[in-house]
């Protein structure tokens, strides 16, 4: 038994001695969020700003804001008056609140759909450029393993190349 433990320990020690050279051959590890790289680009900021100024979007946003204000006001009134309201009045107020909430959610979905359309269009438009930039960074920095940032529980900022991709995307925007 003692011999087995010695052999196991010796095997572990040897594997730890070889491990650093094996890691060195793999290269560095990095994380990357394609969506964040695109959304933080100047082009994305310009497109989303342009969207926020479109007539239909402005109208939907104003309606959304009005509905939220109405919902908040009504909820506060119901809270204050609940003690003196009849059961029928409370049920009616709850129906109105439920209807307002549904309208808010519907408007929010319209706003998000507009934003998602812009983001998808950007992804199609600059996706190939982002891929090329990432390939260049992998070569330049000797990165052997690239993980999606969304799939990693924790990584310090030194491992994240998203901002580098965004910077290169912005630098090439004029090309």
C-alpha atoms as a PDB file:
ATOM      1  CA  UNK A   1       0.000   0.000   0.000  1.00  0.00           C
ATOM      2  CA  UNK A   2       2.792   2.370   0.903  1.00  0.00           C
ATOM      3  CA  UNK A   3       4.434   1.668  -2.469  1.00  0.00           C
ATOM      4  CA  UNK A   4       1.169   2.542  -4.263  1.00  0.00           C
ATOM      5  CA  UNK A   5       0.986   5.914  -2.505  1.00  0.00           C
ATOM      6  CA  UNK A   6       4.620   6.677  -3.407  1.00  0.00           C
ATOM      7  CA  UNK A   7       4.042   5.836  -7.076  1.00  0.00           C
ATOM      8  CA  UNK A   8       0.867   7.953  -7.145  1.00  0.00           C
ATOM      9  CA  UNK A   9       2.626  10.923  -5.548  1.00  0.00           C
ATOM     10  CA  UNK A  10       5.577  10.582  -7.922  1.00  0.00           C
ATOM     11  CA  UNK A  11       3.171  10.494 -10.890  1.00  0.00           C
ATOM     12  CA  UNK A  12       1.422  13.623  -9.660  1.00  0.00           C
ATOM     13  CA  UNK A  13       4.709  15.458  -9.141  1.00  0.00           C
ATOM     14  CA  UNK A  14       5.894  14.514 -12.621  1.00  0.00           C
ATOM     15  CA  UNK A  15       2.625  15.636 -14.202  1.00  0.00           C
ATOM     16  CA  UNK A  16       2.862  19.007 -12.425  1.00  0.00           C
ATOM     17  CA  UNK A  17       6.375  19.418 -13.759  1.00  0.00           C
ATOM     18  CA  UNK A  18       5.230  18.758 -17.337  1.00  0.00           C
ATOM     19  CA  UNK A  19       1.997  20.774 -17.019  1.00  0.00           C
ATOM     20  CA  UNK A  20       3.514  24.282 -17.327  1.00  0.00           C
ATOM     21  CA  UNK A  21       5.229  23.403 -20.599  1.00  0.00           C
ATOM     22  CA  UNK A  22       2.000  21.896 -21.911  1.00  0.00           C
ATOM     23  CA  UNK A  23       0.094  25.078 -20.994  1.00  0.00           C
ATOM     24  CA  UNK A  24       2.763  27.202 -22.658  1.00  0.00           C
ATOM     25  CA  UNK A  25       2.230  25.321 -25.922  1.00  0.00           C
ATOM     26  CA  UNK A  26      -1.497  25.971 -25.749  1.00  0.00           C
ATOM     27  CA  UNK A  27      -1.010  29.720 -25.474  1.00  0.00           C
ATOM     28  CA  UNK A  28      -2.895  32.215 -23.427  1.00  0.00           C
ATOM     29  CA  UNK A  29      -6.533  31.999 -22.429  1.00  0.00           C
ATOM     30  CA  UNK A  30      -8.951  34.820 -23.168  1.00  0.00           C
ATOM     31  CA  UNK A  31     -12.649  35.579 -22.976  1.00  0.00           C
ATOM     32  CA  UNK A  32     -14.700  37.526 -25.500  1.00  0.00           C
ATOM     33  CA  UNK A  33     -18.261  38.776 -25.873  1.00  0.00           C
ATOM     34  CA  UNK A  34     -19.100  39.387 -29.536  1.00  0.00           C
ATOM     35  CA  UNK A  35     -22.361  41.123 -28.687  1.00  0.00           C
ATOM     36  CA  UNK A  36     -20.694  43.508 -26.214  1.00  0.00           C
ATOM     37  CA  UNK A  37     -17.919  44.283 -28.700  1.00  0.00           C
ATOM     38  CA  UNK A  38     -20.485  45.252 -31.323  1.00  0.00           C
ATOM     39  CA  UNK A  39     -22.850  47.091 -28.959  1.00  0.00           C
ATOM     40  CA  UNK A  40     -20.017  49.168 -27.483  1.00  0.00           C
ATOM     41  CA  UNK A  41     -18.800  50.251 -30.916  1.00  0.00           C
ATOM     42  CA  UNK A  42     -19.319  53.783 -32.155  1.00  0.00           C
ATOM     43  CA  UNK A  43     -21.347  52.458 -35.081  1.00  0.00           C
ATOM     44  CA  UNK A  44     -23.788  50.738 -32.730  1.00  0.00           C
ATOM     45  CA  UNK A  45     -24.103  53.842 -30.587  1.00  0.00           C
ATOM     46  CA  UNK A  46     -24.847  55.904 -33.692  1.00  0.00           C
ATOM     47  CA  UNK A  47     -27.427  53.434 -34.994  1.00  0.00           C
ATOM     48  CA  UNK A  48     -29.181  53.126 -31.630  1.00  0.00           C
ATOM     49  CA  UNK A  49     -29.183  56.923 -31.293  1.00  0.00           C
ATOM     50  CA  UNK A  50     -30.691  57.200 -34.769  1.00  0.00           C
ATOM     51  CA  UNK A  51     -33.344  54.640 -33.797  1.00  0.00           C
ATOM     52  CA  UNK A  52     -34.192  56.590 -30.654  1.00  0.00           C
ATOM     53  CA  UNK A  53     -34.907  59.630 -32.839  1.00  0.00           C
ATOM     54  CA  UNK A  54     -37.215  57.846 -35.291  1.00  0.00           C
ATOM     55  CA  UNK A  55     -40.823  59.006 -35.171  1.00  0.00           C
ATOM     56  CA  UNK A  56     -42.351  55.579 -34.507  1.00  0.00           C
ATOM     57  CA  UNK A  57     -39.820  54.740 -31.787  1.00  0.00           C
ATOM     58  CA  UNK A  58     -40.329  58.115 -30.093  1.00  0.00           C
ATOM     59  CA  UNK A  59     -44.112  57.556 -30.108  1.00  0.00           C
ATOM     60  CA  UNK A  60     -43.752  54.050 -28.668  1.00  0.00           C
ATOM     61  CA  UNK A  61     -41.347  55.302 -25.985  1.00  0.00           C
ATOM     62  CA  UNK A  62     -43.703  58.146 -25.037  1.00  0.00           C
ATOM     63  CA  UNK A  63     -46.619  55.712 -24.791  1.00  0.00           C
ATOM     64  CA  UNK A  64     -44.513  53.343 -22.695  1.00  0.00           C
ATOM     65  CA  UNK A  65     -43.507  56.156 -20.322  1.00  0.00           C
ATOM     66  CA  UNK A  66     -47.125  57.353 -20.020  1.00  0.00           C
ATOM     67  CA  UNK A  67     -48.381  53.844 -19.264  1.00  0.00           C
ATOM     68  CA  UNK A  68     -45.713  53.323 -16.600  1.00  0.00           C
ATOM     69  CA  UNK A  69     -46.603  56.637 -14.970  1.00  0.00           C
ATOM     70  CA  UNK A  70     -50.321  55.780 -15.066  1.00  0.00           C
ATOM     71  CA  UNK A  71     -49.630  52.351 -13.578  1.00  0.00           C
ATOM     72  CA  UNK A  72     -47.505  53.780 -10.766  1.00  0.00           C
ATOM     73  CA  UNK A  73     -50.061  56.474  -9.971  1.00  0.00           C
ATOM     74  CA  UNK A  74     -52.965  54.022  -9.956  1.00  0.00           C
ATOM     75  CA  UNK A  75     -51.062  51.493  -7.834  1.00  0.00           C
ATOM     76  CA  UNK A  76     -50.268  54.196  -5.260  1.00  0.00           C
ATOM     77  CA  UNK A  77     -53.916  55.332  -5.200  1.00  0.00           C
ATOM     78  CA  UNK A  78     -55.142  51.778  -4.747  1.00  0.00           C
ATOM     79  CA  UNK A  79     -52.649  51.241  -1.919  1.00  0.00           C
ATOM     80  CA  UNK A  80     -53.850  54.378  -0.130  1.00  0.00           C
ATOM     81  CA  UNK A  81     -57.549  53.695  -0.638  1.00  0.00           C
ATOM     82  CA  UNK A  82     -57.516  49.893  -0.208  1.00  0.00           C
ATOM     83  CA  UNK A  83     -58.800  50.072   3.360  1.00  0.00           C
ATOM     84  CA  UNK A  84     -61.961  51.971   2.347  1.00  0.00           C
ATOM     85  CA  UNK A  85     -62.600  50.273  -1.001  1.00  0.00           C
ATOM     86  CA  UNK A  86     -65.253  47.628  -1.427  1.00  0.00           C
ATOM     87  CA  UNK A  87     -64.276  44.206  -2.722  1.00  0.00           C
ATOM     88  CA  UNK A  88     -65.828  45.068  -6.100  1.00  0.00           C
ATOM     89  CA  UNK A  89     -63.832  48.313  -6.302  1.00  0.00           C
ATOM     90  CA  UNK A  90     -60.635  46.465  -5.407  1.00  0.00           C
ATOM     91  CA  UNK A  91     -61.333  43.810  -8.061  1.00  0.00           C
ATOM     92  CA  UNK A  92     -62.021  46.530 -10.643  1.00  0.00           C
ATOM     93  CA  UNK A  93     -58.789  48.329  -9.709  1.00  0.00           C
ATOM     94  CA  UNK A  94     -56.841  45.074 -10.011  1.00  0.00           C
ATOM     95  CA  UNK A  95     -58.317  44.485 -13.485  1.00  0.00           C
ATOM     96  CA  UNK A  96     -57.266  47.975 -14.562  1.00  0.00           C
ATOM     97  CA  UNK A  97     -53.772  47.469 -13.140  1.00  0.00           C
ATOM     98  CA  UNK A  98     -53.498  44.108 -14.912  1.00  0.00           C
ATOM     99  CA  UNK A  99     -54.602  45.714 -18.171  1.00  0.00           C
ATOM    100  CA  UNK A 100     -52.088  48.547 -17.743  1.00  0.00           C
ATOM    101  CA  UNK A 101     -49.326  46.031 -16.988  1.00  0.00           C
ATOM    102  CA  UNK A 102     -50.183  44.103 -20.163  1.00  0.00           C
ATOM    103  CA  UNK A 103     -50.086  47.329 -22.196  1.00  0.00           C
ATOM    104  CA  UNK A 104     -46.709  48.232 -20.665  1.00  0.00           C
ATOM    105  CA  UNK A 105     -45.297  44.809 -21.513  1.00  0.00           C
ATOM    106  CA  UNK A 106     -46.631  45.044 -25.071  1.00  0.00           C
ATOM    107  CA  UNK A 107     -45.038  48.466 -25.586  1.00  0.00           C
ATOM    108  CA  UNK A 108     -41.780  47.302 -24.039  1.00  0.00           C
ATOM    109  CA  UNK A 109     -41.694  44.351 -26.442  1.00  0.00           C
ATOM    110  CA  UNK A 110     -42.179  46.720 -29.382  1.00  0.00           C
ATOM    111  CA  UNK A 111     -39.293  48.905 -28.180  1.00  0.00           C
ATOM    112  CA  UNK A 112     -37.053  45.887 -27.613  1.00  0.00           C
ATOM    113  CA  UNK A 113     -37.960  44.444 -31.026  1.00  0.00           C
ATOM    114  CA  UNK A 114     -36.872  47.690 -32.688  1.00  0.00           C
ATOM    115  CA  UNK A 115     -33.581  47.616 -30.801  1.00  0.00           C
ATOM    116  CA  UNK A 116     -33.067  43.924 -31.547  1.00  0.00           C
ATOM    117  CA  UNK A 117     -33.597  44.582 -35.268  1.00  0.00           C
ATOM    118  CA  UNK A 118     -30.836  47.200 -35.200  1.00  0.00           C
ATOM    119  CA  UNK A 119     -28.522  44.881 -33.234  1.00  0.00           C
ATOM    120  CA  UNK A 120     -29.151  41.966 -35.615  1.00  0.00           C
ATOM    121  CA  UNK A 121     -28.521  44.175 -38.624  1.00  0.00           C
ATOM    122  CA  UNK A 122     -25.268  45.348 -37.035  1.00  0.00           C
ATOM    123  CA  UNK A 123     -24.259  41.759 -36.329  1.00  0.00           C
ATOM    124  CA  UNK A 124     -24.727  40.825 -39.967  1.00  0.00           C
ATOM    125  CA  UNK A 125     -22.977  43.966 -41.153  1.00  0.00           C
ATOM    126  CA  UNK A 126     -19.899  43.926 -38.891  1.00  0.00           C
ATOM    127  CA  UNK A 127     -19.828  40.254 -37.880  1.00  0.00           C
ATOM    128  CA  UNK A 128     -17.260  39.263 -40.522  1.00  0.00           C
ATOM    129  CA  UNK A 129     -15.053  42.223 -39.532  1.00  0.00           C
ATOM    130  CA  UNK A 130     -15.281  41.216 -35.858  1.00  0.00           C
ATOM    131  CA  UNK A 131     -14.273  37.659 -36.763  1.00  0.00           C
ATOM    132  CA  UNK A 132     -11.249  38.950 -38.679  1.00  0.00           C
ATOM    133  CA  UNK A 133     -10.234  41.199 -35.774  1.00  0.00           C
ATOM    134  CA  UNK A 134     -10.547  38.307 -33.316  1.00  0.00           C
ATOM    135  CA  UNK A 135      -8.394  36.088 -35.547  1.00  0.00           C
ATOM    136  CA  UNK A 136      -5.750  38.821 -35.710  1.00  0.00           C
ATOM    137  CA  UNK A 137      -5.770  39.220 -31.911  1.00  0.00           C
ATOM    138  CA  UNK A 138      -5.463  35.458 -31.420  1.00  0.00           C
ATOM    139  CA  UNK A 139      -2.316  35.499 -33.540  1.00  0.00           C
ATOM    140  CA  UNK A 140      -0.851  38.751 -32.153  1.00  0.00           C
ATOM    141  CA  UNK A 141      -1.325  37.817 -28.501  1.00  0.00           C
ATOM    142  CA  UNK A 142      -0.675  34.090 -28.769  1.00  0.00           C
ATOM    143  CA  UNK A 143      -4.129  33.143 -27.503  1.00  0.00           C
ATOM    144  CA  UNK A 144      -4.642  29.398 -27.612  1.00  0.00           C
ATOM    145  CA  UNK A 145      -8.056  29.205 -25.971  1.00  0.00           C
ATOM    146  CA  UNK A 146     -10.869  31.712 -26.491  1.00  0.00           C
ATOM    147  CA  UNK A 147     -14.055  31.382 -24.455  1.00  0.00           C
ATOM    148  CA  UNK A 148     -17.339  33.235 -24.717  1.00  0.00           C
ATOM    149  CA  UNK A 149     -17.512  35.677 -21.825  1.00  0.00           C
ATOM    150  CA  UNK A 150     -21.120  34.633 -21.192  1.00  0.00           C
ATOM    151  CA  UNK A 151     -20.001  31.054 -20.527  1.00  0.00           C
ATOM    152  CA  UNK A 152     -17.358  31.984 -17.954  1.00  0.00           C
ATOM    153  CA  UNK A 153     -18.306  32.401 -14.315  1.00  0.00           C
ATOM    154  CA  UNK A 154     -15.385  34.706 -13.561  1.00  0.00           C
ATOM    155  CA  UNK A 155     -12.483  36.163 -15.460  1.00  0.00           C
ATOM    156  CA  UNK A 156     -10.432  39.187 -14.538  1.00  0.00           C
ATOM    157  CA  UNK A 157     -10.359  42.002 -17.066  1.00  0.00           C
ATOM    158  CA  UNK A 158      -6.864  40.989 -18.136  1.00  0.00           C
ATOM    159  CA  UNK A 159      -8.372  37.908 -19.797  1.00  0.00           C
ATOM    160  CA  UNK A 160     -11.125  39.828 -21.606  1.00  0.00           C
ATOM    161  CA  UNK A 161     -10.323  40.961 -25.159  1.00  0.00           C
ATOM    162  CA  UNK A 162     -13.768  42.438 -25.867  1.00  0.00           C
ATOM    163  CA  UNK A 163     -12.649  46.050 -25.457  1.00  0.00           C
ATOM    164  CA  UNK A 164      -9.635  45.440 -27.711  1.00  0.00           C
ATOM    165  CA  UNK A 165     -11.950  44.137 -30.423  1.00  0.00           C
ATOM    166  CA  UNK A 166     -14.244  47.152 -29.981  1.00  0.00           C
ATOM    167  CA  UNK A 167     -11.270  49.535 -30.204  1.00  0.00           C
ATOM    168  CA  UNK A 168     -10.067  47.913 -33.434  1.00  0.00           C
ATOM    169  CA  UNK A 169     -13.610  47.911 -34.797  1.00  0.00           C
ATOM    170  CA  UNK A 170     -13.890  51.643 -34.053  1.00  0.00           C
ATOM    171  CA  UNK A 171     -10.458  52.319 -35.547  1.00  0.00           C
ATOM    172  CA  UNK A 172     -11.475  50.577 -38.766  1.00  0.00           C
ATOM    173  CA  UNK A 173     -14.891  52.222 -38.955  1.00  0.00           C
ATOM    174  CA  UNK A 174     -13.606  54.928 -41.263  1.00  0.00           C
ATOM    175  CA  UNK A 175     -12.106  52.410 -43.689  1.00  0.00           C
END
